[in-house]
Amino acid sequence: MRAAGLRLAVLTNYVREVQAQKLAHFGLDALVDAVLCALEVPAAKPDPRAYHAACAALAVTPGQAVMVGDSWEKDVQGAHRAGLRAVWVNPCAAPVPDGVTRSVRNL
């Protein structure tokens, strides 16, 4: 992503300390441009203001951003309502919500 000139933010409803520990443990902390936690943004996910705060931290518009997350409601639906594209990571094989097309499921 860096080679392509992309920037990365972590937007979480958890506390900063936990996220910092996770990022450091996996050696990802140096690759993240911004960490935004629920207590530090105008509202928690799935409120559109959370995603807009992340976009502002990266100096991008919602149309330029992609949210990658594991919660259908908080990450994917919330991002869509805020004007972002989204990718759903579904490690627990949760059922695909009704009305989701096959092409969206395969993202």
PDB file of N, CA and C in Angstrom:
ATOM      1  N   MET A   1       0.829  -1.189   0.000  1.00  0.00           N
ATOM      2  CA  MET A   1       0.000   0.000   0.000  1.00  0.00           C
ATOM      3  C   MET A   1       0.872   1.252   0.000  1.00  0.00           C
ATOM      4  N   ARG A   2       1.942   1.229   0.770  1.00  0.00           N
ATOM      5  CA  ARG A   2       2.828   2.398   0.798  1.00  0.00           C
ATOM      6  C   ARG A   2       3.404   2.680  -0.585  1.00  0.00           C
ATOM      7  N   ALA A   3       3.829   1.622  -1.280  1.00  0.00           N
ATOM      8  CA  ALA A   3       4.420   1.790  -2.613  1.00  0.00           C
ATOM      9  C   ALA A   3       3.426   2.424  -3.580  1.00  0.00           C
ATOM     10  N   ALA A   4       2.143   2.181  -3.349  1.00  0.00           N
ATOM     11  CA  ALA A   4       1.105   2.759  -4.200  1.00  0.00           C
ATOM     12  C   ALA A   4       0.716   4.160  -3.747  1.00  0.00           C
ATOM     13  N   GLY A   5       1.328   4.649  -2.670  1.00  0.00           N
ATOM     14  CA  GLY A   5       1.026   5.987  -2.176  1.00  0.00           C
ATOM     15  C   GLY A   5      -0.221   6.071  -1.321  1.00  0.00           C
ATOM     16  N   LEU A   6      -0.708   4.924  -0.858  1.00  0.00           N
ATOM     17  CA  LEU A   6      -1.914   4.903  -0.035  1.00  0.00           C
ATOM     18  C   LEU A   6      -1.585   5.127   1.435  1.00  0.00           C
ATOM     19  N   ARG A   7      -2.541   5.689   2.141  1.00  0.00           N
ATOM     20  CA  ARG A   7      -2.389   5.936   3.574  1.00  0.00           C
ATOM     21  C   ARG A   7      -3.379   5.056   4.323  1.00  0.00           C
ATOM     22  N   LEU A   8      -3.060   4.759   5.584  1.00  0.00           N
ATOM     23  CA  LEU A   8      -3.855   3.823   6.354  1.00  0.00           C
ATOM     24  C   LEU A   8      -4.204   4.395   7.719  1.00  0.00           C
ATOM     25  N   ALA A   9      -5.479   4.277   8.074  1.00  0.00           N
ATOM     26  CA  ALA A   9      -5.936   4.663   9.408  1.00  0.00           C
ATOM     27  C   ALA A   9      -6.629   3.477  10.050  1.00  0.00           C
ATOM     28  N   VAL A  10      -6.540   3.408  11.357  1.00  0.00           N
ATOM     29  CA  VAL A  10      -7.306   2.438  12.125  1.00  0.00           C
ATOM     30  C   VAL A  10      -8.418   3.229  12.807  1.00  0.00           C
ATOM     31  N   LEU A  11      -9.657   2.822  12.552  1.00  0.00           N
ATOM     32  CA  LEU A  11     -10.821   3.437  13.172  1.00  0.00           C
ATOM     33  C   LEU A  11     -11.469   2.365  14.027  1.00  0.00           C
ATOM     34  N   THR A  12     -11.498   2.571  15.335  1.00  0.00           N
ATOM     35  CA  THR A  12     -11.956   1.524  16.232  1.00  0.00           C
ATOM     36  C   THR A  12     -12.876   2.070  17.315  1.00  0.00           C
ATOM     37  N   ASN A  13     -13.765   1.218  17.779  1.00  0.00           N
ATOM     38  CA  ASN A  13     -14.609   1.568  18.915  1.00  0.00           C
ATOM     39  C   ASN A  13     -13.954   1.151  20.227  1.00  0.00           C
ATOM     40  N   TYR A  14     -12.743   0.587  20.162  1.00  0.00           N
ATOM     41  CA  TYR A  14     -12.006   0.199  21.355  1.00  0.00           C
ATOM     42  C   TYR A  14     -11.117   1.343  21.826  1.00  0.00           C
ATOM     43  N   VAL A  15     -10.412   1.113  22.916  1.00  0.00           N
ATOM     44  CA  VAL A  15      -9.540   2.147  23.483  1.00  0.00           C
ATOM     45  C   VAL A  15      -8.182   2.154  22.794  1.00  0.00           C
ATOM     46  N   ARG A  16      -7.542   3.300  22.774  1.00  0.00           N
ATOM     47  CA  ARG A  16      -6.261   3.487  22.094  1.00  0.00           C
ATOM     48  C   ARG A  16      -5.189   2.511  22.584  1.00  0.00           C
ATOM     49  N   GLU A  17      -5.091   2.314  23.881  1.00  0.00           N
ATOM     50  CA  GLU A  17      -4.029   1.480  24.437  1.00  0.00           C
ATOM     51  C   GLU A  17      -4.077   0.056  23.874  1.00  0.00           C
ATOM     52  N   VAL A  18      -5.267  -0.502  23.767  1.00  0.00           N
ATOM     53  CA  VAL A  18      -5.420  -1.864  23.237  1.00  0.00           C
ATOM     54  C   VAL A  18      -4.991  -1.902  21.774  1.00  0.00           C
ATOM     55  N   GLN A  19      -5.422  -0.932  21.004  1.00  0.00           N
ATOM     56  CA  GLN A  19      -5.070  -0.902  19.582  1.00  0.00           C
ATOM     57  C   GLN A  19      -3.569  -0.702  19.394  1.00  0.00           C
ATOM     58  N   ALA A  20      -2.967   0.148  20.194  1.00  0.00           N
ATOM     59  CA  ALA A  20      -1.525   0.370  20.094  1.00  0.00           C
ATOM     60  C   ALA A  20      -0.760  -0.918  20.390  1.00  0.00           C
ATOM     61  N   GLN A  21      -1.200  -1.666  21.381  1.00  0.00           N
ATOM     62  CA  GLN A  21      -0.553  -2.940  21.709  1.00  0.00           C
ATOM     63  C   GLN A  21      -0.681  -3.937  20.567  1.00  0.00           C
ATOM     64  N   LYS A  22      -1.845  -4.023  19.983  1.00  0.00           N
ATOM     65  CA  LYS A  22      -2.058  -4.944  18.857  1.00  0.00           C
ATOM     66  C   LYS A  22      -1.174  -4.575  17.672  1.00  0.00           C
ATOM     67  N   LEU A  23      -1.167  -3.300  17.322  1.00  0.00           N
ATOM     68  CA  LEU A  23      -0.366  -2.860  16.174  1.00  0.00           C
ATOM     69  C   LEU A  23       1.117  -3.108  16.415  1.00  0.00           C
ATOM     70  N   ALA A  24       1.600  -2.800  17.621  1.00  0.00           N
ATOM     71  CA  ALA A  24       3.015  -3.011  17.943  1.00  0.00           C
ATOM     72  C   ALA A  24       3.353  -4.503  17.937  1.00  0.00           C
ATOM     73  N   HIS A  25       2.483  -5.319  18.478  1.00  0.00           N
ATOM     74  CA  HIS A  25       2.729  -6.765  18.548  1.00  0.00           C
ATOM     75  C   HIS A  25       2.962  -7.363  17.158  1.00  0.00           C
ATOM     76  N   PHE A  26       2.211  -6.898  16.186  1.00  0.00           N
ATOM     77  CA  PHE A  26       2.328  -7.433  14.831  1.00  0.00           C
ATOM     78  C   PHE A  26       3.256  -6.601  13.944  1.00  0.00           C
ATOM     79  N   GLY A  27       3.904  -5.588  14.521  1.00  0.00           N
ATOM     80  CA  GLY A  27       4.834  -4.764  13.759  1.00  0.00           C
ATOM     81  C   GLY A  27       4.164  -3.868  12.741  1.00  0.00           C
ATOM     82  N   LEU A  28       2.913  -3.542  12.975  1.00  0.00           N
ATOM     83  CA  LEU A  28       2.161  -2.717  12.024  1.00  0.00           C
ATOM     84  C   LEU A  28       2.116  -1.245  12.415  1.00  0.00           C
ATOM     85  N   ASP A  29       2.561  -0.913  13.599  1.00  0.00           N
ATOM     86  CA  ASP A  29       2.433   0.461  14.089  1.00  0.00           C
ATOM     87  C   ASP A  29       3.127   1.478  13.190  1.00  0.00           C
ATOM     88  N   ALA A  30       4.239   1.126  12.592  1.00  0.00           N
ATOM     89  CA  ALA A  30       4.957   2.062  11.722  1.00  0.00           C
ATOM     90  C   ALA A  30       4.263   2.237  10.369  1.00  0.00           C
ATOM     91  N   LEU A  31       3.317   1.363  10.054  1.00  0.00           N
ATOM     92  CA  LEU A  31       2.632   1.419   8.765  1.00  0.00           C
ATOM     93  C   LEU A  31       1.319   2.176   8.819  1.00  0.00           C
ATOM     94  N   VAL A  32       0.892   2.549  10.010  1.00  0.00           N
ATOM     95  CA  VAL A  32      -0.393   3.211  10.196  1.00  0.00           C
ATOM     96  C   VAL A  32      -0.187   4.716  10.341  1.00  0.00           C
ATOM     97  N   ASP A  33      -0.907   5.475   9.540  1.00  0.00           N
ATOM     98  CA  ASP A  33      -0.768   6.929   9.563  1.00  0.00           C
ATOM     99  C   ASP A  33      -1.580   7.586  10.670  1.00  0.00           C
ATOM    100  N   ALA A  34      -2.684   6.958  11.072  1.00  0.00           N
ATOM    101  CA  ALA A  34      -3.542   7.542  12.112  1.00  0.00           C
ATOM    102  C   ALA A  34      -4.314   6.433  12.812  1.00  0.00           C
ATOM    103  N   VAL A  35      -4.482   6.595  14.118  1.00  0.00           N
ATOM    104  CA  VAL A  35      -5.334   5.702  14.908  1.00  0.00           C
ATOM    105  C   VAL A  35      -6.406   6.569  15.535  1.00  0.00           C
ATOM    106  N   LEU A  36      -7.655   6.248  15.244  1.00  0.00           N
ATOM    107  CA  LEU A  36      -8.781   7.008  15.785  1.00  0.00           C
ATOM    108  C   LEU A  36      -9.636   6.068  16.617  1.00  0.00           C
ATOM    109  N   CYS A  37      -9.854   6.436  17.870  1.00  0.00           N
ATOM    110  CA  CYS A  37     -10.639   5.627  18.798  1.00  0.00           C
ATOM    111  C   CYS A  37     -11.947   6.328  19.101  1.00  0.00           C
ATOM    112  N   ALA A  38     -12.944   5.532  19.474  1.00  0.00           N
ATOM    113  CA  ALA A  38     -14.304   6.052  19.682  1.00  0.00           C
ATOM    114  C   ALA A  38     -14.347   7.240  20.624  1.00  0.00           C
ATOM    115  N   LEU A  39     -13.527   7.240  21.646  1.00  0.00           N
ATOM    116  CA  LEU A  39     -13.552   8.337  22.615  1.00  0.00           C
ATOM    117  C   LEU A  39     -12.919   9.614  22.082  1.00  0.00           C
ATOM    118  N   GLU A  40     -12.257   9.513  20.931  1.00  0.00           N
ATOM    119  CA  GLU A  40     -11.528  10.654  20.388  1.00  0.00           C
ATOM    120  C   GLU A  40     -12.169  11.255  19.131  1.00  0.00           C
ATOM    121  N   VAL A  41     -13.208  10.630  18.634  1.00  0.00           N
ATOM    122  CA  VAL A  41     -13.886  11.136  17.443  1.00  0.00           C
ATOM    123  C   VAL A  41     -15.291  11.595  17.837  1.00  0.00           C
ATOM    124  N   PRO A  42     -15.963  12.329  16.972  1.00  0.00           N
ATOM    125  CA  PRO A  42     -17.286  12.864  17.342  1.00  0.00           C
ATOM    126  C   PRO A  42     -18.318  11.810  17.730  1.00  0.00           C
ATOM    127  N   ALA A  43     -18.180  10.600  17.208  1.00  0.00           N
ATOM    128  CA  ALA A  43     -19.127   9.526  17.512  1.00  0.00           C
ATOM    129  C   ALA A  43     -18.476   8.198  17.163  1.00  0.00           C
ATOM    130  N   ALA A  44     -18.977   7.124  17.748  1.00  0.00           N
ATOM    131  CA  ALA A  44     -18.448   5.787  17.469  1.00  0.00           C
ATOM    132  C   ALA A  44     -19.055   5.235  16.180  1.00  0.00           C
ATOM    133  N   LYS A  45     -18.387   4.244  15.602  1.00  0.00           N
ATOM    134  CA  LYS A  45     -18.957   3.529  14.465  1.00  0.00           C
ATOM    135  C   LYS A  45     -20.256   2.875  14.919  1.00  0.00           C
ATOM    136  N   PRO A  46     -21.278   2.868  14.131  1.00  0.00           N
ATOM    137  CA  PRO A  46     -21.364   3.139  12.698  1.00  0.00           C
ATOM    138  C   PRO A  46     -21.785   4.558  12.331  1.00  0.00           C
ATOM    139  N   ASP A  47     -21.696   5.500  13.239  1.00  0.00           N
ATOM    140  CA  ASP A  47     -22.068   6.883  12.939  1.00  0.00           C
ATOM    141  C   ASP A  47     -21.163   7.431  11.833  1.00  0.00           C
ATOM    142  N   PRO A  48     -21.720   8.042  10.796  1.00  0.00           N
ATOM    143  CA  PRO A  48     -20.910   8.574   9.699  1.00  0.00           C
ATOM    144  C   PRO A  48     -19.806   9.538  10.151  1.00  0.00           C
ATOM    145  N   ARG A  49     -20.024  10.234  11.251  1.00  0.00           N
ATOM    146  CA  ARG A  49     -19.000  11.179  11.709  1.00  0.00           C
ATOM    147  C   ARG A  49     -17.688  10.488  12.065  1.00  0.00           C
ATOM    148  N   ALA A  50     -17.736   9.243  12.493  1.00  0.00           N
ATOM    149  CA  ALA A  50     -16.505   8.508  12.798  1.00  0.00           C
ATOM    150  C   ALA A  50     -15.680   8.307  11.527  1.00  0.00           C
ATOM    151  N   TYR A  51     -16.341   7.908  10.453  1.00  0.00           N
ATOM    152  CA  TYR A  51     -15.643   7.690   9.183  1.00  0.00           C
ATOM    153  C   TYR A  51     -15.145   9.002   8.593  1.00  0.00           C
ATOM    154  N   HIS A  52     -15.933  10.045   8.738  1.00  0.00           N
ATOM    155  CA  HIS A  52     -15.503  11.351   8.244  1.00  0.00           C
ATOM    156  C   HIS A  52     -14.278  11.842   9.008  1.00  0.00           C
ATOM    157  N   ALA A  53     -14.187  11.543  10.303  1.00  0.00           N
ATOM    158  CA  ALA A  53     -13.000  11.907  11.089  1.00  0.00           C
ATOM    159  C   ALA A  53     -11.776  11.151  10.578  1.00  0.00           C
ATOM    160  N   ALA A  54     -11.947   9.884  10.243  1.00  0.00           N
ATOM    161  CA  ALA A  54     -10.832   9.106   9.699  1.00  0.00           C
ATOM    162  C   ALA A  54     -10.392   9.664   8.355  1.00  0.00           C
ATOM    163  N   CYS A  55     -11.342  10.019   7.518  1.00  0.00           N
ATOM    164  CA  CYS A  55     -11.004  10.612   6.220  1.00  0.00           C
ATOM    165  C   CYS A  55     -10.253  11.929   6.409  1.00  0.00           C
ATOM    166  N   ALA A  56     -10.711  12.739   7.348  1.00  0.00           N
ATOM    167  CA  ALA A  56     -10.025  14.013   7.613  1.00  0.00           C
ATOM    168  C   ALA A  56      -8.598  13.777   8.095  1.00  0.00           C
ATOM    169  N   ALA A  57      -8.407  12.764   8.926  1.00  0.00           N
ATOM    170  CA  ALA A  57      -7.060  12.464   9.436  1.00  0.00           C
ATOM    171  C   ALA A  57      -6.114  12.053   8.314  1.00  0.00           C
ATOM    172  N   LEU A  58      -6.662  11.478   7.264  1.00  0.00           N
ATOM    173  CA  LEU A  58      -5.850  11.055   6.120  1.00  0.00           C
ATOM    174  C   LEU A  58      -5.864  12.052   4.975  1.00  0.00           C
ATOM    175  N   ALA A  59      -6.619  13.135   5.136  1.00  0.00           N
ATOM    176  CA  ALA A  59      -6.750  14.165   4.099  1.00  0.00           C
ATOM    177  C   ALA A  59      -7.286  13.579   2.793  1.00  0.00           C
ATOM    178  N   VAL A  60      -8.354  12.761   2.921  1.00  0.00           N
ATOM    179  CA  VAL A  60      -9.022  12.201   1.750  1.00  0.00           C
ATOM    180  C   VAL A  60     -10.519  12.450   1.881  1.00  0.00           C
ATOM    181  N   THR A  61     -11.220  12.350   0.781  1.00  0.00           N
ATOM    182  CA  THR A  61     -12.672  12.445   0.808  1.00  0.00           C
ATOM    183  C   THR A  61     -13.244  11.050   1.038  1.00  0.00           C
ATOM    184  N   PRO A  62     -14.482  10.944   1.500  1.00  0.00           N
ATOM    185  CA  PRO A  62     -15.084   9.621   1.646  1.00  0.00           C
ATOM    186  C   PRO A  62     -15.070   8.810   0.346  1.00  0.00           C
ATOM    187  N   GLY A  63     -15.241   9.464  -0.775  1.00  0.00           N
ATOM    188  CA  GLY A  63     -15.215   8.767  -2.056  1.00  0.00           C
ATOM    189  C   GLY A  63     -13.856   8.198  -2.420  1.00  0.00           C
ATOM    190  N   GLN A  64     -12.806   8.679  -1.768  1.00  0.00           N
ATOM    191  CA  GLN A  64     -11.456   8.180  -2.019  1.00  0.00           C
ATOM    192  C   GLN A  64     -11.061   7.076  -1.036  1.00  0.00           C
ATOM    193  N   ALA A  65     -11.890   6.812  -0.050  1.00  0.00           N
ATOM    194  CA  ALA A  65     -11.522   5.896   1.033  1.00  0.00           C
ATOM    195  C   ALA A  65     -12.225   4.549   0.903  1.00  0.00           C
ATOM    196  N   VAL A  66     -11.586   3.541   1.447  1.00  0.00           N
ATOM    197  CA  VAL A  66     -12.156   2.199   1.540  1.00  0.00           C
ATOM    198  C   VAL A  66     -12.009   1.735   2.981  1.00  0.00           C
ATOM    199  N   MET A  67     -13.111   1.294   3.555  1.00  0.00           N
ATOM    200  CA  MET A  67     -13.108   0.736   4.908  1.00  0.00           C
ATOM    201  C   MET A  67     -12.994  -0.771   4.802  1.00  0.00           C
ATOM    202  N   VAL A  68     -12.093  -1.358   5.561  1.00  0.00           N
ATOM    203  CA  VAL A  68     -11.969  -2.811   5.647  1.00  0.00           C
ATOM    204  C   VAL A  68     -12.280  -3.174   7.088  1.00  0.00           C
ATOM    205  N   GLY A  69     -13.277  -4.014   7.292  1.00  0.00           N
ATOM    206  CA  GLY A  69     -13.645  -4.354   8.650  1.00  0.00           C
ATOM    207  C   GLY A  69     -14.382  -5.662   8.762  1.00  0.00           C
ATOM    208  N   ASP A  70     -14.532  -6.123  10.007  1.00  0.00           N
ATOM    209  CA  ASP A  70     -15.141  -7.428  10.238  1.00  0.00           C
ATOM    210  C   ASP A  70     -16.582  -7.358  10.747  1.00  0.00           C
ATOM    211  N   SER A  71     -17.115  -6.176  10.919  1.00  0.00           N
ATOM    212  CA  SER A  71     -18.502  -6.040  11.355  1.00  0.00           C
ATOM    213  C   SER A  71     -19.350  -5.531  10.195  1.00  0.00           C
ATOM    214  N   TRP A  72     -20.356  -6.329   9.819  1.00  0.00           N
ATOM    215  CA  TRP A  72     -21.210  -5.909   8.714  1.00  0.00           C
ATOM    216  C   TRP A  72     -21.874  -4.570   9.022  1.00  0.00           C
ATOM    217  N   GLU A  73     -22.482  -4.466  10.194  1.00  0.00           N
ATOM    218  CA  GLU A  73     -23.220  -3.238  10.542  1.00  0.00           C
ATOM    219  C   GLU A  73     -22.274  -2.072  10.826  1.00  0.00           C
ATOM    220  N   LYS A  74     -21.308  -2.259  11.698  1.00  0.00           N
ATOM    221  CA  LYS A  74     -20.468  -1.139  12.126  1.00  0.00           C
ATOM    222  C   LYS A  74     -19.458  -0.720  11.074  1.00  0.00           C
ATOM    223  N   ASP A  75     -18.889  -1.677  10.357  1.00  0.00           N
ATOM    224  CA  ASP A  75     -17.834  -1.346   9.402  1.00  0.00           C
ATOM    225  C   ASP A  75     -18.359  -1.146   7.979  1.00  0.00           C
ATOM    226  N   VAL A  76     -19.101  -2.102   7.472  1.00  0.00           N
ATOM    227  CA  VAL A  76     -19.540  -2.033   6.077  1.00  0.00           C
ATOM    228  C   VAL A  76     -20.724  -1.093   5.911  1.00  0.00           C
ATOM    229  N   GLN A  77     -21.802  -1.343   6.640  1.00  0.00           N
ATOM    230  CA  GLN A  77     -22.981  -0.491   6.505  1.00  0.00           C
ATOM    231  C   GLN A  77     -22.686   0.937   6.960  1.00  0.00           C
ATOM    232  N   GLY A  78     -21.969   1.090   8.055  1.00  0.00           N
ATOM    233  CA  GLY A  78     -21.618   2.424   8.533  1.00  0.00           C
ATOM    234  C   GLY A  78     -20.791   3.193   7.522  1.00  0.00           C
ATOM    235  N   ALA A  79     -19.820   2.509   6.926  1.00  0.00           N
ATOM    236  CA  ALA A  79     -18.980   3.150   5.916  1.00  0.00           C
ATOM    237  C   ALA A  79     -19.803   3.562   4.705  1.00  0.00           C
ATOM    238  N   HIS A  80     -20.676   2.673   4.254  1.00  0.00           N
ATOM    239  CA  HIS A  80     -21.527   3.017   3.101  1.00  0.00           C
ATOM    240  C   HIS A  80     -22.377   4.245   3.397  1.00  0.00           C
ATOM    241  N   ARG A  81     -22.957   4.311   4.587  1.00  0.00           N
ATOM    242  CA  ARG A  81     -23.781   5.480   4.942  1.00  0.00           C
ATOM    243  C   ARG A  81     -22.955   6.761   4.983  1.00  0.00           C
ATOM    244  N   ALA A  82     -21.657   6.625   5.211  1.00  0.00           N
ATOM    245  CA  ALA A  82     -20.772   7.799   5.259  1.00  0.00           C
ATOM    246  C   ALA A  82     -20.186   8.137   3.892  1.00  0.00           C
ATOM    247  N   GLY A  83     -20.502   7.334   2.874  1.00  0.00           N
ATOM    248  CA  GLY A  83     -20.021   7.612   1.530  1.00  0.00           C
ATOM    249  C   GLY A  83     -18.736   6.911   1.148  1.00  0.00           C
ATOM    250  N   LEU A  84     -18.294   5.932   1.951  1.00  0.00           N
ATOM    251  CA  LEU A  84     -17.085   5.177   1.653  1.00  0.00           C
ATOM    252  C   LEU A  84     -17.448   3.851   0.998  1.00  0.00           C
ATOM    253  N   ARG A  85     -16.512   3.302   0.273  1.00  0.00           N
ATOM    254  CA  ARG A  85     -16.617   1.913  -0.162  1.00  0.00           C
ATOM    255  C   ARG A  85     -16.160   1.050   1.011  1.00  0.00           C
ATOM    256  N   ALA A  86     -16.523  -0.228   1.005  1.00  0.00           N
ATOM    257  CA  ALA A  86     -16.148  -1.081   2.125  1.00  0.00           C
ATOM    258  C   ALA A  86     -15.910  -2.515   1.678  1.00  0.00           C
ATOM    259  N   VAL A  87     -15.038  -3.182   2.417  1.00  0.00           N
ATOM    260  CA  VAL A  87     -14.752  -4.596   2.228  1.00  0.00           C
ATOM    261  C   VAL A  87     -15.029  -5.280   3.559  1.00  0.00           C
ATOM    262  N   TRP A  88     -15.821  -6.342   3.502  1.00  0.00           N
ATOM    263  CA  TRP A  88     -16.168  -7.093   4.709  1.00  0.00           C
ATOM    264  C   TRP A  88     -15.241  -8.291   4.858  1.00  0.00           C
ATOM    265  N   VAL A  89     -14.485  -8.331   5.932  1.00  0.00           N
ATOM    266  CA  VAL A  89     -13.677  -9.487   6.299  1.00  0.00           C
ATOM    267  C   VAL A  89     -14.544 -10.290   7.269  1.00  0.00           C
ATOM    268  N   ASN A  90     -14.843 -11.521   6.912  1.00  0.00           N
ATOM    269  CA  ASN A  90     -15.801 -12.327   7.661  1.00  0.00           C
ATOM    270  C   ASN A  90     -15.128 -13.595   8.194  1.00  0.00           C
ATOM    271  N   PRO A  91     -14.214 -13.463   9.163  1.00  0.00           N
ATOM    272  CA  PRO A  91     -13.449 -14.632   9.628  1.00  0.00           C
ATOM    273  C   PRO A  91     -14.288 -15.666  10.369  1.00  0.00           C
ATOM    274  N   CYS A  92     -15.424 -15.293  10.893  1.00  0.00           N
ATOM    275  CA  CYS A  92     -16.278 -16.227  11.642  1.00  0.00           C
ATOM    276  C   CYS A  92     -17.351 -16.847  10.762  1.00  0.00           C
ATOM    277  N   ALA A  93     -17.296 -16.569   9.462  1.00  0.00           N
ATOM    278  CA  ALA A  93     -18.272 -17.097   8.503  1.00  0.00           C
ATOM    279  C   ALA A  93     -19.708 -16.785   8.919  1.00  0.00           C
ATOM    280  N   ALA A  94     -19.940 -15.546   9.334  1.00  0.00           N
ATOM    281  CA  ALA A  94     -21.295 -15.107   9.682  1.00  0.00           C
ATOM    282  C   ALA A  94     -22.175 -15.183   8.442  1.00  0.00           C
ATOM    283  N   PRO A  95     -23.464 -15.401   8.623  1.00  0.00           N
ATOM    284  CA  PRO A  95     -24.353 -15.442   7.464  1.00  0.00           C
ATOM    285  C   PRO A  95     -24.347 -14.113   6.714  1.00  0.00           C
ATOM    286  N   VAL A  96     -24.382 -14.200   5.412  1.00  0.00           N
ATOM    287  CA  VAL A  96     -24.435 -13.000   4.586  1.00  0.00           C
ATOM    288  C   VAL A  96     -25.833 -12.402   4.732  1.00  0.00           C
ATOM    289  N   PRO A  97     -25.907 -11.121   5.020  1.00  0.00           N
ATOM    290  CA  PRO A  97     -27.218 -10.488   5.194  1.00  0.00           C
ATOM    291  C   PRO A  97     -28.101 -10.615   3.956  1.00  0.00           C
ATOM    292  N   ASP A  98     -29.404 -10.704   4.190  1.00  0.00           N
ATOM    293  CA  ASP A  98     -30.375 -10.774   3.090  1.00  0.00           C
ATOM    294  C   ASP A  98     -30.207  -9.574   2.166  1.00  0.00           C
ATOM    295  N   GLY A  99     -30.346  -9.816   0.893  1.00  0.00           N
ATOM    296  CA  GLY A  99     -30.292  -8.737  -0.077  1.00  0.00           C
ATOM    297  C   GLY A  99     -28.900  -8.419  -0.591  1.00  0.00           C
ATOM    298  N   VAL A 100     -27.869  -9.041  -0.021  1.00  0.00           N
ATOM    299  CA  VAL A 100     -26.502  -8.792  -0.485  1.00  0.00           C
ATOM    300  C   VAL A 100     -26.258  -9.661  -1.704  1.00  0.00           C
ATOM    301  N   THR A 101     -25.816  -9.031  -2.780  1.00  0.00           N
ATOM    302  CA  THR A 101     -25.604  -9.771  -4.020  1.00  0.00           C
ATOM    303  C   THR A 101     -24.319 -10.584  -3.961  1.00  0.00           C
ATOM    304  N   ARG A 102     -24.258 -11.590  -4.790  1.00  0.00           N
ATOM    305  CA  ARG A 102     -23.092 -12.478  -4.822  1.00  0.00           C
ATOM    306  C   ARG A 102     -21.802 -11.703  -5.084  1.00  0.00           C
ATOM    307  N   SER A 103     -21.835 -10.727  -5.973  1.00  0.00           N
ATOM    308  CA  SER A 103     -20.616  -9.965  -6.284  1.00  0.00           C
ATOM    309  C   SER A 103     -20.127  -9.211  -5.057  1.00  0.00           C
ATOM    310  N   VAL A 104     -21.025  -8.714  -4.242  1.00  0.00           N
ATOM    311  CA  VAL A 104     -20.597  -8.027  -3.032  1.00  0.00           C
ATOM    312  C   VAL A 104     -20.030  -9.026  -2.044  1.00  0.00           C
ATOM    313  N   ARG A 105     -20.637 -10.200  -1.942  1.00  0.00           N
ATOM    314  CA  ARG A 105     -20.158 -11.218  -1.016  1.00  0.00           C
ATOM    315  C   ARG A 105     -18.719 -11.624  -1.320  1.00  0.00           C
ATOM    316  N   ASN A 106     -18.325 -11.595  -2.576  1.00  0.00           N
ATOM    317  CA  ASN A 106     -17.015 -12.078  -2.954  1.00  0.00           C
ATOM    318  C   ASN A 106     -15.912 -11.031  -2.846  1.00  0.00           C
ATOM    319  N   LEU A 107     -16.215  -9.857  -2.347  1.00  0.00           N
ATOM    320  CA  LEU A 107     -15.182  -8.837  -2.212  1.00  0.00           C
ATOM    321  C   LEU A 107     -14.179  -9.215  -1.161  1.00  0.00           C
TER     322      LEU A 107
END
